[in-house]
Amino acid sequence: MSTTKTLFITGVSSGFGHALAKEALAAGHRVIGTVRKEADLHAFQSLSLDNAYGVMLDVTDFDRIDGVIAEVEATHGPVDVLINNAGYGHEGIFEESPLEEMRRQFDVNVFGAVAVIKAFLPFFRQRRAGHIINITSMGGTITMPGIAYYCGSKFALEGISDTLSKELAPFNIFVTAVAPGSFRTDWAGRSMQRTPRSIADYDASFDPVRKAREEKSGKQLGDPQKAARAMLQIIASPTPPAHLLLGSDALHLVREKLQHAAGEIDQWEALTRSTDH
């Protein structure tokens, strides 16, 4: 077993956050987890009387984040690993989905994660140690109709993670974007925000996609417990990857997308080169 570490996980009440918290506690790590409801706080802390500490925090409560993290570092620190897990999926045809829904999606999935990283960075940099794991998605590389806002948010977090891994390398701080495929979490069920349908033109192409996603919920290929164990392995690694796919569906779809992209680059190479001085 790796040496015991202190993990800070956002959104431990369900999904990957919950699975990771449970596995980490079982492995002897200390876990500080954020929740948004009082009931979830008690449920989380009851997982381990010695090693589970709940913190009431919504990652979009930007004015509170710095103070909360400073207090966590002072009380339970030093934190070794930050896992940005809090997030949700928005599903809706682009033309039908209000801008407000995109703002909310980016506030939680991008700005929330960035704000928490910013709060931890001075501590990590000072210690010349730390590991930041951002839970992205295969939807940060591939796209599907009806999840433009979600994919946009995950593409953004992927880009930020990758850049950050280069900025922080001199300080011995690792950044890993963990991109899961379809897993048996609440993502496509309870926590999915769906925009009502309104434009008939999209019925034929999108309604089967929405129906398939709803029917597959709870029957996905991915096992959250195994995803949690995989994350514990990269936390224990002295050289964690900058990017890790989870699930054979993610592997297949992302590989296919990258191969297609490489083919398109080759196809248009002459035009691409034609713009040089």
C-alpha atoms as a PDB file:
ATOM      1  CA  MET A   1       0.000   0.000   0.000  1.00  0.00           C
ATOM      2  CA  SER A   2       1.130   3.539  -0.723  1.00  0.00           C
ATOM      3  CA  THR A   3       1.953   5.821   2.162  1.00  0.00           C
ATOM      4  CA  THR A   4      -1.045   7.424   3.802  1.00  0.00           C
ATOM      5  CA  LYS A   5      -2.102  10.713   2.248  1.00  0.00           C
ATOM      6  CA  THR A   6      -4.614  13.455   2.901  1.00  0.00           C
ATOM      7  CA  LEU A   7      -7.101  13.852   0.045  1.00  0.00           C
ATOM      8  CA  PHE A   8      -9.483  16.754  -0.553  1.00  0.00           C
ATOM      9  CA  ILE A   9     -12.382  15.646  -2.766  1.00  0.00           C
ATOM     10  CA  THR A  10     -15.151  17.930  -4.013  1.00  0.00           C
ATOM     11  CA  GLY A  11     -18.608  16.384  -4.235  1.00  0.00           C
ATOM     12  CA  VAL A  12     -18.353  13.236  -2.090  1.00  0.00           C
ATOM     13  CA  SER A  13     -22.083  12.585  -1.726  1.00  0.00           C
ATOM     14  CA  SER A  14     -22.450  10.608  -4.967  1.00  0.00           C
ATOM     15  CA  GLY A  15     -20.771   9.275  -8.090  1.00  0.00           C
ATOM     16  CA  PHE A  16     -16.994   9.097  -8.455  1.00  0.00           C
ATOM     17  CA  GLY A  17     -16.464  11.361  -5.434  1.00  0.00           C
ATOM     18  CA  HIS A  18     -18.356   8.990  -3.166  1.00  0.00           C
ATOM     19  CA  ALA A  19     -16.682   5.871  -4.606  1.00  0.00           C
ATOM     20  CA  LEU A  20     -13.218   7.416  -4.325  1.00  0.00           C
ATOM     21  CA  ALA A  21     -13.805   8.609  -0.753  1.00  0.00           C
ATOM     22  CA  LYS A  22     -14.882   5.106   0.324  1.00  0.00           C
ATOM     23  CA  GLU A  23     -11.944   3.361  -1.368  1.00  0.00           C
ATOM     24  CA  ALA A  24      -9.443   5.930  -0.072  1.00  0.00           C
ATOM     25  CA  LEU A  25     -10.722   5.562   3.497  1.00  0.00           C
ATOM     26  CA  ALA A  26     -10.590   1.759   3.186  1.00  0.00           C
ATOM     27  CA  ALA A  27      -6.941   2.105   2.088  1.00  0.00           C
ATOM     28  CA  GLY A  28      -6.152   4.148   5.201  1.00  0.00           C
ATOM     29  CA  HIS A  29      -6.030   7.631   3.673  1.00  0.00           C
ATOM     30  CA  ARG A  30      -7.572  10.710   5.301  1.00  0.00           C
ATOM     31  CA  VAL A  31     -10.352  12.274   3.258  1.00  0.00           C
ATOM     32  CA  ILE A  32     -11.751  15.784   3.478  1.00  0.00           C
ATOM     33  CA  GLY A  33     -14.887  15.907   1.356  1.00  0.00           C
ATOM     34  CA  THR A  34     -17.201  18.697   0.290  1.00  0.00           C
ATOM     35  CA  VAL A  35     -20.984  18.325   0.386  1.00  0.00           C
ATOM     36  CA  ARG A  36     -23.864  20.735  -0.075  1.00  0.00           C
ATOM     37  CA  LYS A  37     -26.407  19.253   2.346  1.00  0.00           C
ATOM     38  CA  GLU A  38     -26.303  18.709   6.097  1.00  0.00           C
ATOM     39  CA  ALA A  39     -27.591  15.129   5.736  1.00  0.00           C
ATOM     40  CA  ASP A  40     -24.782  14.320   3.278  1.00  0.00           C
ATOM     41  CA  LEU A  41     -22.245  15.737   5.736  1.00  0.00           C
ATOM     42  CA  HIS A  42     -23.286  13.284   8.454  1.00  0.00           C
ATOM     43  CA  ALA A  43     -23.497  10.374   6.005  1.00  0.00           C
ATOM     44  CA  PHE A  44     -19.980  11.081   4.776  1.00  0.00           C
ATOM     45  CA  GLN A  45     -18.432  11.517   8.233  1.00  0.00           C
ATOM     46  CA  SER A  46     -20.018   8.272   9.393  1.00  0.00           C
ATOM     47  CA  LEU A  47     -17.884   6.408   6.814  1.00  0.00           C
ATOM     48  CA  SER A  48     -14.908   6.816   9.162  1.00  0.00           C
ATOM     49  CA  LEU A  49     -14.951   8.415  12.596  1.00  0.00           C
ATOM     50  CA  ASP A  50     -11.170   8.936  12.464  1.00  0.00           C
ATOM     51  CA  ASN A  51     -10.432   9.826   8.861  1.00  0.00           C
ATOM     52  CA  ALA A  52     -13.498  11.377   7.173  1.00  0.00           C
ATOM     53  CA  TYR A  53     -13.995  15.137   7.556  1.00  0.00           C
ATOM     54  CA  GLY A  54     -16.949  16.785   5.852  1.00  0.00           C
ATOM     55  CA  VAL A  55     -16.961  20.391   4.677  1.00  0.00           C
ATOM     56  CA  MET A  56     -20.103  22.269   3.639  1.00  0.00           C
ATOM     57  CA  LEU A  57     -19.180  23.941   0.361  1.00  0.00           C
ATOM     58  CA  ASP A  58     -20.786  24.592  -3.001  1.00  0.00           C
ATOM     59  CA  VAL A  59     -17.948  25.040  -5.526  1.00  0.00           C
ATOM     60  CA  THR A  60     -19.862  27.933  -7.106  1.00  0.00           C
ATOM     61  CA  ASP A  61     -19.796  29.854  -3.810  1.00  0.00           C
ATOM     62  CA  PHE A  62     -16.664  31.603  -5.066  1.00  0.00           C
ATOM     63  CA  ASP A  63     -16.378  34.152  -2.250  1.00  0.00           C
ATOM     64  CA  ARG A  64     -16.101  31.390   0.371  1.00  0.00           C
ATOM     65  CA  ILE A  65     -13.622  29.027  -1.301  1.00  0.00           C
ATOM     66  CA  ASP A  66     -10.301  30.663  -0.335  1.00  0.00           C
ATOM     67  CA  GLY A  67     -11.333  30.952   3.320  1.00  0.00           C
ATOM     68  CA  VAL A  68     -12.627  27.384   3.479  1.00  0.00           C
ATOM     69  CA  ILE A  69      -9.450  25.949   1.944  1.00  0.00           C
ATOM     70  CA  ALA A  70      -7.192  28.034   4.217  1.00  0.00           C
ATOM     71  CA  GLU A  71      -9.128  26.702   7.198  1.00  0.00           C
ATOM     72  CA  VAL A  72      -8.877  23.110   5.916  1.00  0.00           C
ATOM     73  CA  GLU A  73      -5.106  23.472   5.480  1.00  0.00           C
ATOM     74  CA  ALA A  74      -4.769  24.922   8.977  1.00  0.00           C
ATOM     75  CA  THR A  75      -6.981  22.292  10.634  1.00  0.00           C
ATOM     76  CA  HIS A  76      -6.433  19.090   8.633  1.00  0.00           C
ATOM     77  CA  GLY A  77      -3.455  19.910   6.401  1.00  0.00           C
ATOM     78  CA  PRO A  78      -1.176  19.507   4.682  1.00  0.00           C
ATOM     79  CA  VAL A  79      -3.416  18.279   1.858  1.00  0.00           C
ATOM     80  CA  ASP A  80      -1.467  16.018  -0.524  1.00  0.00           C
ATOM     81  CA  VAL A  81      -4.023  15.478  -3.270  1.00  0.00           C
ATOM     82  CA  LEU A  82      -6.868  17.638  -4.571  1.00  0.00           C
ATOM     83  CA  ILE A  83      -9.550  15.824  -6.559  1.00  0.00           C
ATOM     84  CA  ASN A  84     -11.921  18.122  -8.437  1.00  0.00           C
ATOM     85  CA  ASN A  85     -14.883  15.808  -8.848  1.00  0.00           C
ATOM     86  CA  ALA A  86     -17.902  18.096  -8.332  1.00  0.00           C
ATOM     87  CA  GLY A  87     -19.749  18.480 -11.596  1.00  0.00           C
ATOM     88  CA  TYR A  88     -22.860  17.510 -13.514  1.00  0.00           C
ATOM     89  CA  GLY A  89     -24.041  16.926 -17.060  1.00  0.00           C
ATOM     90  CA  HIS A  90     -26.293  19.260 -19.022  1.00  0.00           C
ATOM     91  CA  GLU A  91     -28.137  17.663 -21.914  1.00  0.00           C
ATOM     92  CA  GLY A  92     -29.916  19.730 -24.535  1.00  0.00           C
ATOM     93  CA  ILE A  93     -29.867  20.656 -28.187  1.00  0.00           C
ATOM     94  CA  PHE A  94     -27.594  23.705 -28.589  1.00  0.00           C
ATOM     95  CA  GLU A  95     -30.255  25.813 -30.327  1.00  0.00           C
ATOM     96  CA  GLU A  96     -32.816  25.006 -27.635  1.00  0.00           C
ATOM     97  CA  SER A  97     -30.585  25.502 -24.584  1.00  0.00           C
ATOM     98  CA  PRO A  98     -30.588  28.970 -22.932  1.00  0.00           C
ATOM     99  CA  LEU A  99     -27.276  30.739 -22.319  1.00  0.00           C
ATOM    100  CA  GLU A 100     -28.079  30.674 -18.601  1.00  0.00           C
ATOM    101  CA  GLU A 101     -27.798  26.875 -18.636  1.00  0.00           C
ATOM    102  CA  MET A 102     -24.368  27.114 -20.230  1.00  0.00           C
ATOM    103  CA  ARG A 103     -23.271  29.610 -17.564  1.00  0.00           C
ATOM    104  CA  ARG A 104     -24.375  27.246 -14.809  1.00  0.00           C
ATOM    105  CA  GLN A 105     -22.609  24.310 -16.498  1.00  0.00           C
ATOM    106  CA  PHE A 106     -19.340  26.251 -16.747  1.00  0.00           C
ATOM    107  CA  ASP A 107     -19.697  27.716 -13.234  1.00  0.00           C
ATOM    108  CA  VAL A 108     -19.769  24.242 -11.695  1.00  0.00           C
ATOM    109  CA  ASN A 109     -17.580  22.212 -14.078  1.00  0.00           C
ATOM    110  CA  VAL A 110     -14.922  24.808 -14.931  1.00  0.00           C
ATOM    111  CA  PHE A 111     -14.945  27.881 -12.671  1.00  0.00           C
ATOM    112  CA  GLY A 112     -15.641  25.801  -9.561  1.00  0.00           C
ATOM    113  CA  ALA A 113     -12.703  23.493 -10.272  1.00  0.00           C
ATOM    114  CA  VAL A 114     -10.418  26.418 -11.131  1.00  0.00           C
ATOM    115  CA  ALA A 115     -11.352  28.336  -7.970  1.00  0.00           C
ATOM    116  CA  VAL A 116     -10.557  25.340  -5.755  1.00  0.00           C
ATOM    117  CA  ILE A 117      -7.212  24.783  -7.539  1.00  0.00           C
ATOM    118  CA  LYS A 118      -6.343  28.475  -7.096  1.00  0.00           C
ATOM    119  CA  ALA A 119      -7.067  28.231  -3.369  1.00  0.00           C
ATOM    120  CA  PHE A 120      -4.756  25.218  -2.937  1.00  0.00           C
ATOM    121  CA  LEU A 121      -1.893  26.279  -5.231  1.00  0.00           C
ATOM    122  CA  PRO A 122      -0.022  28.605  -2.835  1.00  0.00           C
ATOM    123  CA  PHE A 123       0.125  25.792  -0.262  1.00  0.00           C
ATOM    124  CA  PHE A 124       1.239  23.178  -2.821  1.00  0.00           C
ATOM    125  CA  ARG A 125       3.828  25.525  -4.344  1.00  0.00           C
ATOM    126  CA  GLN A 126       5.242  26.466  -0.959  1.00  0.00           C
ATOM    127  CA  ARG A 127       5.652  22.774  -0.088  1.00  0.00           C
ATOM    128  CA  ARG A 128       6.966  21.894  -3.582  1.00  0.00           C
ATOM    129  CA  ALA A 129       4.548  18.968  -3.491  1.00  0.00           C
ATOM    130  CA  GLY A 130       1.004  18.125  -4.484  1.00  0.00           C
ATOM    131  CA  HIS A 131      -1.164  16.300  -6.978  1.00  0.00           C
ATOM    132  CA  ILE A 132      -4.243  17.790  -8.628  1.00  0.00           C
ATOM    133  CA  ILE A 133      -6.707  15.404 -10.253  1.00  0.00           C
ATOM    134  CA  ASN A 134      -9.433  16.935 -12.392  1.00  0.00           C
ATOM    135  CA  ILE A 135     -12.265  14.584 -13.310  1.00  0.00           C
ATOM    136  CA  THR A 136     -13.005  15.480 -16.916  1.00  0.00           C
ATOM    137  CA  SER A 137     -14.712  13.069 -19.338  1.00  0.00           C
ATOM    138  CA  MET A 138     -14.207  11.299 -22.637  1.00  0.00           C
ATOM    139  CA  GLY A 139     -16.529  14.199 -23.610  1.00  0.00           C
ATOM    140  CA  GLY A 140     -13.462  16.413 -23.219  1.00  0.00           C
ATOM    141  CA  THR A 141     -12.061  14.828 -26.401  1.00  0.00           C
ATOM    142  CA  ILE A 142     -15.013  13.300 -28.244  1.00  0.00           C
ATOM    143  CA  THR A 143     -18.411  14.916 -28.769  1.00  0.00           C
ATOM    144  CA  MET A 144     -21.977  13.718 -29.203  1.00  0.00           C
ATOM    145  CA  PRO A 145     -25.144  15.555 -30.255  1.00  0.00           C
ATOM    146  CA  GLY A 146     -27.055  17.096 -27.369  1.00  0.00           C
ATOM    147  CA  ILE A 147     -24.237  17.732 -24.920  1.00  0.00           C
ATOM    148  CA  ALA A 148     -22.511  20.796 -26.397  1.00  0.00           C
ATOM    149  CA  TYR A 149     -22.399  22.723 -23.104  1.00  0.00           C
ATOM    150  CA  TYR A 150     -21.136  19.698 -21.191  1.00  0.00           C
ATOM    151  CA  CYS A 151     -18.456  18.826 -23.761  1.00  0.00           C
ATOM    152  CA  GLY A 152     -17.471  22.491 -23.927  1.00  0.00           C
ATOM    153  CA  SER A 153     -16.949  22.553 -20.160  1.00  0.00           C
ATOM    154  CA  LYS A 154     -14.888  19.353 -20.213  1.00  0.00           C
ATOM    155  CA  PHE A 155     -12.792  20.493 -23.205  1.00  0.00           C
ATOM    156  CA  ALA A 156     -12.076  23.657 -21.187  1.00  0.00           C
ATOM    157  CA  LEU A 157     -11.043  21.702 -18.078  1.00  0.00           C
ATOM    158  CA  GLU A 158      -8.852  19.400 -20.202  1.00  0.00           C
ATOM    159  CA  GLY A 159      -7.050  22.406 -21.705  1.00  0.00           C
ATOM    160  CA  ILE A 160      -6.583  24.076 -18.336  1.00  0.00           C
ATOM    161  CA  SER A 161      -5.306  20.817 -16.765  1.00  0.00           C
ATOM    162  CA  ASP A 162      -2.801  20.203 -19.539  1.00  0.00           C
ATOM    163  CA  THR A 163      -1.436  23.754 -19.425  1.00  0.00           C
ATOM    164  CA  LEU A 164      -1.292  23.668 -15.646  1.00  0.00           C
ATOM    165  CA  SER A 165       0.671  20.388 -15.648  1.00  0.00           C
ATOM    166  CA  LYS A 166       3.422  22.241 -17.562  1.00  0.00           C
ATOM    167  CA  GLU A 167       3.319  25.356 -15.366  1.00  0.00           C
ATOM    168  CA  LEU A 168       3.520  23.361 -12.140  1.00  0.00           C
ATOM    169  CA  ALA A 169       6.078  20.721 -13.159  1.00  0.00           C
ATOM    170  CA  PRO A 170       9.022  22.845 -11.851  1.00  0.00           C
ATOM    171  CA  PHE A 171       7.440  22.779  -8.382  1.00  0.00           C
ATOM    172  CA  ASN A 172       7.003  18.995  -8.238  1.00  0.00           C
ATOM    173  CA  ILE A 173       3.210  19.413  -8.484  1.00  0.00           C
ATOM    174  CA  PHE A 174       1.468  16.923 -10.755  1.00  0.00           C
ATOM    175  CA  VAL A 175      -1.783  17.527 -12.610  1.00  0.00           C
ATOM    176  CA  THR A 176      -3.814  14.647 -14.024  1.00  0.00           C
ATOM    177  CA  ALA A 177      -6.983  14.936 -16.076  1.00  0.00           C
ATOM    178  CA  VAL A 178      -8.943  11.730 -15.490  1.00  0.00           C
ATOM    179  CA  ALA A 179     -11.415  11.159 -18.319  1.00  0.00           C
ATOM    180  CA  PRO A 180     -14.034   8.475 -17.639  1.00  0.00           C
ATOM    181  CA  GLY A 181     -16.278   6.886 -20.231  1.00  0.00           C
ATOM    182  CA  SER A 182     -19.781   5.747 -19.257  1.00  0.00           C
ATOM    183  CA  PHE A 183     -19.966   4.625 -15.629  1.00  0.00           C
ATOM    184  CA  ARG A 184     -22.779   3.546 -13.312  1.00  0.00           C
ATOM    185  CA  THR A 185     -23.085   6.881 -11.521  1.00  0.00           C
ATOM    186  CA  ASP A 186     -26.012   9.329 -11.369  1.00  0.00           C
ATOM    187  CA  TRP A 187     -24.545  11.327 -14.263  1.00  0.00           C
ATOM    188  CA  ALA A 188     -27.181  10.323 -16.844  1.00  0.00           C
ATOM    189  CA  GLY A 189     -29.901   9.907 -14.235  1.00  0.00           C
ATOM    190  CA  ARG A 190     -30.708  11.988 -11.172  1.00  0.00           C
ATOM    191  CA  SER A 191     -27.993  14.615 -11.622  1.00  0.00           C
ATOM    192  CA  MET A 192     -28.444  15.212 -15.372  1.00  0.00           C
ATOM    193  CA  GLN A 193     -30.040  18.586 -16.178  1.00  0.00           C
ATOM    194  CA  ARG A 194     -32.161  18.228 -19.314  1.00  0.00           C
ATOM    195  CA  THR A 195     -33.444  21.133 -21.409  1.00  0.00           C
ATOM    196  CA  PRO A 196     -37.016  20.526 -22.634  1.00  0.00           C
ATOM    197  CA  ARG A 197     -37.389  19.850 -26.364  1.00  0.00           C
ATOM    198  CA  SER A 198     -39.003  22.554 -28.500  1.00  0.00           C
ATOM    199  CA  ILE A 199     -37.824  22.439 -32.139  1.00  0.00           C
ATOM    200  CA  ALA A 200     -39.319  19.572 -34.162  1.00  0.00           C
ATOM    201  CA  ASP A 201     -36.501  19.614 -36.721  1.00  0.00           C
ATOM    202  CA  TYR A 202     -34.230  17.906 -34.189  1.00  0.00           C
ATOM    203  CA  ASP A 203     -36.651  15.106 -33.250  1.00  0.00           C
ATOM    204  CA  ALA A 204     -35.378  12.517 -35.721  1.00  0.00           C
ATOM    205  CA  SER A 205     -31.684  12.929 -34.928  1.00  0.00           C
ATOM    206  CA  PHE A 206     -31.819  13.606 -31.201  1.00  0.00           C
ATOM    207  CA  ASP A 207     -34.802  11.836 -29.618  1.00  0.00           C
ATOM    208  CA  PRO A 208     -33.253   8.358 -30.083  1.00  0.00           C
ATOM    209  CA  VAL A 209     -29.995   9.639 -28.499  1.00  0.00           C
ATOM    210  CA  ARG A 210     -31.828  10.966 -25.422  1.00  0.00           C
ATOM    211  CA  LYS A 211     -33.883   7.750 -25.147  1.00  0.00           C
ATOM    212  CA  ALA A 212     -30.793   5.540 -25.415  1.00  0.00           C
ATOM    213  CA  ARG A 213     -28.979   7.567 -22.755  1.00  0.00           C
ATOM    214  CA  GLU A 214     -31.919   7.338 -20.355  1.00  0.00           C
ATOM    215  CA  GLU A 215     -32.286   3.584 -20.947  1.00  0.00           C
ATOM    216  CA  LYS A 216     -28.568   2.925 -20.479  1.00  0.00           C
ATOM    217  CA  SER A 217     -28.467   4.776 -17.149  1.00  0.00           C
ATOM    218  CA  GLY A 218     -27.550   2.279 -14.434  1.00  0.00           C
ATOM    219  CA  LYS A 219     -26.399  -0.310 -16.986  1.00  0.00           C
ATOM    220  CA  GLN A 220     -23.188   1.414 -18.122  1.00  0.00           C
ATOM    221  CA  LEU A 221     -19.999  -0.559 -18.635  1.00  0.00           C
ATOM    222  CA  GLY A 222     -17.901   1.312 -16.058  1.00  0.00           C
ATOM    223  CA  ASP A 223     -17.652   0.336 -12.379  1.00  0.00           C
ATOM    224  CA  PRO A 224     -17.144   3.429 -10.141  1.00  0.00           C
ATOM    225  CA  GLN A 225     -15.394   1.320  -7.476  1.00  0.00           C
ATOM    226  CA  LYS A 226     -12.807   0.153 -10.033  1.00  0.00           C
ATOM    227  CA  ALA A 227     -12.422   3.759 -11.240  1.00  0.00           C
ATOM    228  CA  ALA A 228     -11.706   4.763  -7.634  1.00  0.00           C
ATOM    229  CA  ARG A 229      -9.043   2.065  -7.324  1.00  0.00           C
ATOM    230  CA  ALA A 230      -7.451   3.212 -10.578  1.00  0.00           C
ATOM    231  CA  MET A 231      -7.276   6.764  -9.204  1.00  0.00           C
ATOM    232  CA  LEU A 232      -5.656   5.509  -5.999  1.00  0.00           C
ATOM    233  CA  GLN A 233      -3.010   3.842  -8.191  1.00  0.00           C
ATOM    234  CA  ILE A 234      -2.121   7.099  -9.941  1.00  0.00           C
ATOM    235  CA  ILE A 235      -2.090   8.935  -6.588  1.00  0.00           C
ATOM    236  CA  ALA A 236       0.491   6.382  -5.407  1.00  0.00           C
ATOM    237  CA  SER A 237       2.586   6.712  -8.581  1.00  0.00           C
ATOM    238  CA  PRO A 238       5.807   8.786  -8.414  1.00  0.00           C
ATOM    239  CA  THR A 239       5.203   9.763 -12.073  1.00  0.00           C
ATOM    240  CA  PRO A 240       1.437  10.102 -12.618  1.00  0.00           C
ATOM    241  CA  PRO A 241       0.183  10.716 -16.175  1.00  0.00           C
ATOM    242  CA  ALA A 242      -1.070  14.119 -17.330  1.00  0.00           C
ATOM    243  CA  HIS A 243      -4.079  12.374 -18.830  1.00  0.00           C
ATOM    244  CA  LEU A 244      -5.781   9.077 -18.001  1.00  0.00           C
ATOM    245  CA  LEU A 245      -8.769   7.514 -19.737  1.00  0.00           C
ATOM    246  CA  LEU A 246     -11.016   5.233 -17.689  1.00  0.00           C
ATOM    247  CA  GLY A 247     -13.120   2.555 -19.383  1.00  0.00           C
ATOM    248  CA  SER A 248     -12.753   0.603 -22.606  1.00  0.00           C
ATOM    249  CA  ASP A 249     -15.530   2.658 -24.252  1.00  0.00           C
ATOM    250  CA  ALA A 250     -13.524   5.847 -23.634  1.00  0.00           C
ATOM    251  CA  LEU A 251     -10.412   4.118 -24.970  1.00  0.00           C
ATOM    252  CA  HIS A 252     -12.152   3.028 -28.179  1.00  0.00           C
ATOM    253  CA  LEU A 253     -13.980   6.307 -28.850  1.00  0.00           C
ATOM    254  CA  VAL A 254     -11.037   8.606 -28.073  1.00  0.00           C
ATOM    255  CA  ARG A 255      -8.637   6.503 -30.178  1.00  0.00           C
ATOM    256  CA  GLU A 256     -11.110   6.605 -33.063  1.00  0.00           C
ATOM    257  CA  LYS A 257     -11.479  10.383 -32.752  1.00  0.00           C
ATOM    258  CA  LEU A 258      -7.691  10.947 -32.707  1.00  0.00           C
ATOM    259  CA  GLN A 259      -7.185   8.677 -35.725  1.00  0.00           C
ATOM    260  CA  HIS A 260      -9.903  10.544 -37.621  1.00  0.00           C
ATOM    261  CA  ALA A 261      -8.334  13.893 -36.664  1.00  0.00           C
ATOM    262  CA  ALA A 262      -4.892  12.727 -37.866  1.00  0.00           C
ATOM    263  CA  GLY A 263      -6.436  11.617 -41.174  1.00  0.00           C
ATOM    264  CA  GLU A 264      -8.115  14.984 -41.670  1.00  0.00           C
ATOM    265  CA  ILE A 265      -4.839  16.807 -40.942  1.00  0.00           C
ATOM    266  CA  ASP A 266      -3.117  14.730 -43.645  1.00  0.00           C
ATOM    267  CA  GLN A 267      -5.960  15.296 -46.112  1.00  0.00           C
ATOM    268  CA  TRP A 268      -5.750  19.084 -45.801  1.00  0.00           C
ATOM    269  CA  GLU A 269      -1.985  19.338 -45.297  1.00  0.00           C
ATOM    270  CA  ALA A 270      -1.316  21.204 -48.558  1.00  0.00           C
ATOM    271  CA  LEU A 271      -3.862  23.923 -47.728  1.00  0.00           C
ATOM    272  CA  THR A 272      -2.531  24.131 -44.152  1.00  0.00           C
ATOM    273  CA  ARG A 273       1.063  24.656 -45.429  1.00  0.00           C
ATOM    274  CA  SER A 274      -0.053  27.195 -48.039  1.00  0.00           C
ATOM    275  CA  THR A 275      -0.513  29.973 -45.494  1.00  0.00           C
ATOM    276  CA  ASP A 276       3.153  30.268 -44.445  1.00  0.00           C
ATOM    277  CA  HIS A 277       5.182  33.307 -45.578  1.00  0.00           C
END
